[in-house]
Amino acid sequence: MTDYKAIAESNNFIILDKYSKKLRVKESYQSEYDLESEFIQDLIQQGYEYLPMSPTLKPC
């Protein structure tokens, strides 16, 4: 874990004296399925309920 020295703090932001961004390189692109699955998991973690599509339901 890296320690940073905060210069100023607020409820909406923190100003640091130094920040080094760690580069994360993906070795391949995500498929549409992978992107959608990650998006659904993010929504579930935020409190949304996942209701899978039923094959018997027809669009309006």
N, C-alpha and C. Protein backbone atom coordinates (compact mmCIF):
# COMPACT_ATOMS: atom_id res chain seq x y z
N MET A 1 0.84 -1.17 0.00
CA MET A 1 0.00 0.00 0.00
C MET A 1 0.89 1.24 0.00
N THR A 2 0.52 2.23 -0.78
CA THR A 2 1.30 3.45 -0.88
C THR A 2 0.69 4.51 0.03
N ASP A 3 1.56 5.22 0.74
CA ASP A 3 1.10 6.32 1.58
C ASP A 3 1.23 7.63 0.83
N TYR A 4 0.19 8.44 0.88
CA TYR A 4 0.18 9.74 0.24
C TYR A 4 -0.05 10.81 1.29
N LYS A 5 0.54 11.96 1.08
CA LYS A 5 0.34 13.09 1.98
C LYS A 5 -0.76 13.98 1.41
N ALA A 6 -1.85 14.11 2.15
CA ALA A 6 -2.97 14.95 1.71
C ALA A 6 -2.67 16.41 2.05
N ILE A 7 -2.82 17.28 1.06
CA ILE A 7 -2.63 18.71 1.27
C ILE A 7 -3.93 19.34 1.74
N ALA A 8 -5.04 18.94 1.14
CA ALA A 8 -6.36 19.47 1.51
C ALA A 8 -7.40 18.37 1.32
N GLU A 9 -8.42 18.37 2.18
CA GLU A 9 -9.50 17.39 2.08
C GLU A 9 -10.84 18.08 2.21
N SER A 10 -11.84 17.52 1.53
CA SER A 10 -13.20 18.01 1.58
C SER A 10 -14.11 16.79 1.45
N ASN A 11 -15.40 16.99 1.59
CA ASN A 11 -16.34 15.89 1.36
C ASN A 11 -16.34 15.45 -0.09
N ASN A 12 -15.93 16.34 -1.01
CA ASN A 12 -16.01 16.06 -2.44
C ASN A 12 -14.67 15.77 -3.10
N PHE A 13 -13.54 16.06 -2.43
CA PHE A 13 -12.26 15.85 -3.07
C PHE A 13 -11.13 15.77 -2.05
N ILE A 14 -9.98 15.27 -2.52
CA ILE A 14 -8.73 15.25 -1.75
C ILE A 14 -7.63 15.72 -2.68
N ILE A 15 -6.78 16.61 -2.21
CA ILE A 15 -5.62 17.06 -2.99
C ILE A 15 -4.39 16.41 -2.37
N LEU A 16 -3.64 15.68 -3.19
CA LEU A 16 -2.45 14.99 -2.72
C LEU A 16 -1.20 15.74 -3.15
N ASP A 17 -0.11 15.59 -2.37
CA ASP A 17 1.14 16.25 -2.75
C ASP A 17 1.80 15.54 -3.92
N LYS A 18 1.58 14.23 -4.05
CA LYS A 18 2.17 13.46 -5.15
C LYS A 18 1.29 12.25 -5.43
N TYR A 19 1.12 11.94 -6.69
CA TYR A 19 0.33 10.78 -7.08
C TYR A 19 0.97 10.13 -8.28
N SER A 20 1.17 8.83 -8.22
CA SER A 20 1.73 8.08 -9.35
C SER A 20 0.69 7.08 -9.81
N LYS A 21 0.25 7.24 -11.04
CA LYS A 21 -0.75 6.34 -11.59
C LYS A 21 -0.08 5.04 -12.02
N LYS A 22 -0.65 3.94 -11.58
CA LYS A 22 -0.14 2.64 -11.99
C LYS A 22 -0.80 2.27 -13.31
N LEU A 23 0.00 1.96 -14.29
CA LEU A 23 -0.53 1.58 -15.60
C LEU A 23 -1.00 0.13 -15.57
N ARG A 24 -2.21 -0.06 -16.05
CA ARG A 24 -2.76 -1.40 -16.17
C ARG A 24 -3.00 -1.66 -17.64
N VAL A 25 -2.31 -2.64 -18.18
CA VAL A 25 -2.43 -2.94 -19.59
C VAL A 25 -3.21 -4.24 -19.75
N LYS A 26 -4.27 -4.17 -20.53
CA LYS A 26 -5.05 -5.37 -20.85
C LYS A 26 -4.36 -6.08 -22.01
N GLU A 27 -4.32 -7.38 -21.94
CA GLU A 27 -3.69 -8.15 -23.00
C GLU A 27 -4.63 -8.37 -24.18
N SER A 28 -5.92 -8.17 -23.94
CA SER A 28 -6.87 -8.33 -25.04
C SER A 28 -8.10 -7.47 -24.76
N TYR A 29 -8.95 -7.33 -25.75
CA TYR A 29 -10.18 -6.57 -25.59
C TYR A 29 -11.23 -7.43 -24.91
N GLN A 30 -12.14 -6.78 -24.18
CA GLN A 30 -13.24 -7.51 -23.58
C GLN A 30 -14.32 -7.72 -24.62
N SER A 31 -14.95 -8.86 -24.57
CA SER A 31 -16.07 -9.13 -25.47
C SER A 31 -17.29 -8.36 -24.98
N GLU A 32 -18.29 -8.26 -25.82
CA GLU A 32 -19.53 -7.59 -25.43
C GLU A 32 -20.15 -8.30 -24.23
N TYR A 33 -20.08 -9.63 -24.23
CA TYR A 33 -20.61 -10.41 -23.11
C TYR A 33 -19.88 -10.07 -21.81
N ASP A 34 -18.54 -9.99 -21.87
CA ASP A 34 -17.76 -9.66 -20.68
C ASP A 34 -18.07 -8.26 -20.17
N LEU A 35 -18.19 -7.29 -21.08
CA LEU A 35 -18.53 -5.92 -20.69
C LEU A 35 -19.90 -5.86 -20.03
N GLU A 36 -20.87 -6.55 -20.63
CA GLU A 36 -22.22 -6.57 -20.09
C GLU A 36 -22.26 -7.24 -18.73
N SER A 37 -21.54 -8.34 -18.56
CA SER A 37 -21.50 -9.05 -17.27
C SER A 37 -20.89 -8.17 -16.19
N GLU A 38 -19.80 -7.47 -16.52
CA GLU A 38 -19.16 -6.58 -15.56
C GLU A 38 -20.09 -5.42 -15.18
N PHE A 39 -20.80 -4.88 -16.17
CA PHE A 39 -21.75 -3.80 -15.93
C PHE A 39 -22.87 -4.25 -15.00
N ILE A 40 -23.41 -5.45 -15.24
CA ILE A 40 -24.48 -6.00 -14.40
C ILE A 40 -23.98 -6.19 -12.98
N GLN A 41 -22.77 -6.72 -12.81
CA GLN A 41 -22.21 -6.91 -11.47
C GLN A 41 -22.03 -5.58 -10.75
N ASP A 42 -21.59 -4.55 -11.46
CA ASP A 42 -21.45 -3.22 -10.86
C ASP A 42 -22.80 -2.70 -10.38
N LEU A 43 -23.85 -2.89 -11.17
CA LEU A 43 -25.19 -2.44 -10.78
C LEU A 43 -25.71 -3.22 -9.57
N ILE A 44 -25.46 -4.53 -9.54
CA ILE A 44 -25.88 -5.35 -8.41
C ILE A 44 -25.19 -4.88 -7.13
N GLN A 45 -23.90 -4.55 -7.23
CA GLN A 45 -23.16 -4.07 -6.06
C GLN A 45 -23.68 -2.72 -5.58
N GLN A 46 -24.30 -1.96 -6.48
CA GLN A 46 -24.88 -0.67 -6.11
C GLN A 46 -26.30 -0.81 -5.56
N GLY A 47 -26.81 -2.04 -5.50
CA GLY A 47 -28.12 -2.27 -4.91
C GLY A 47 -29.23 -2.55 -5.89
N TYR A 48 -28.94 -2.59 -7.18
CA TYR A 48 -29.97 -2.92 -8.15
C TYR A 48 -30.22 -4.42 -8.15
N GLU A 49 -31.43 -4.80 -8.51
CA GLU A 49 -31.80 -6.21 -8.57
C GLU A 49 -31.73 -6.68 -10.02
N TYR A 50 -31.14 -7.85 -10.23
CA TYR A 50 -31.03 -8.41 -11.58
C TYR A 50 -32.20 -9.34 -11.84
N LEU A 51 -32.96 -9.05 -12.88
CA LEU A 51 -34.06 -9.90 -13.30
C LEU A 51 -33.75 -10.43 -14.69
N PRO A 52 -33.36 -11.70 -14.79
CA PRO A 52 -33.02 -12.25 -16.10
C PRO A 52 -34.22 -12.25 -17.05
N MET A 53 -33.93 -12.13 -18.31
CA MET A 53 -34.98 -12.15 -19.33
C MET A 53 -35.60 -13.54 -19.40
N SER A 54 -36.91 -13.57 -19.49
CA SER A 54 -37.63 -14.82 -19.63
C SER A 54 -37.88 -15.08 -21.12
N PRO A 55 -37.62 -16.28 -21.58
CA PRO A 55 -37.86 -16.57 -23.00
C PRO A 55 -39.32 -16.49 -23.40
N THR A 56 -40.23 -16.51 -22.40
CA THR A 56 -41.65 -16.45 -22.73
C THR A 56 -42.15 -15.01 -22.84
N LEU A 57 -41.36 -14.04 -22.34
CA LEU A 57 -41.77 -12.63 -22.44
C LEU A 57 -41.47 -12.10 -23.83
N LYS A 58 -42.40 -11.32 -24.36
CA LYS A 58 -42.20 -10.70 -25.67
C LYS A 58 -42.11 -9.20 -25.49
N PRO A 59 -41.25 -8.54 -26.27
CA PRO A 59 -41.16 -7.08 -26.16
C PRO A 59 -42.46 -6.38 -26.53
N CYS A 60 -42.71 -5.26 -25.93
CA CYS A 60 -43.94 -4.49 -26.21
C CYS A 60 -43.88 -3.86 -27.58
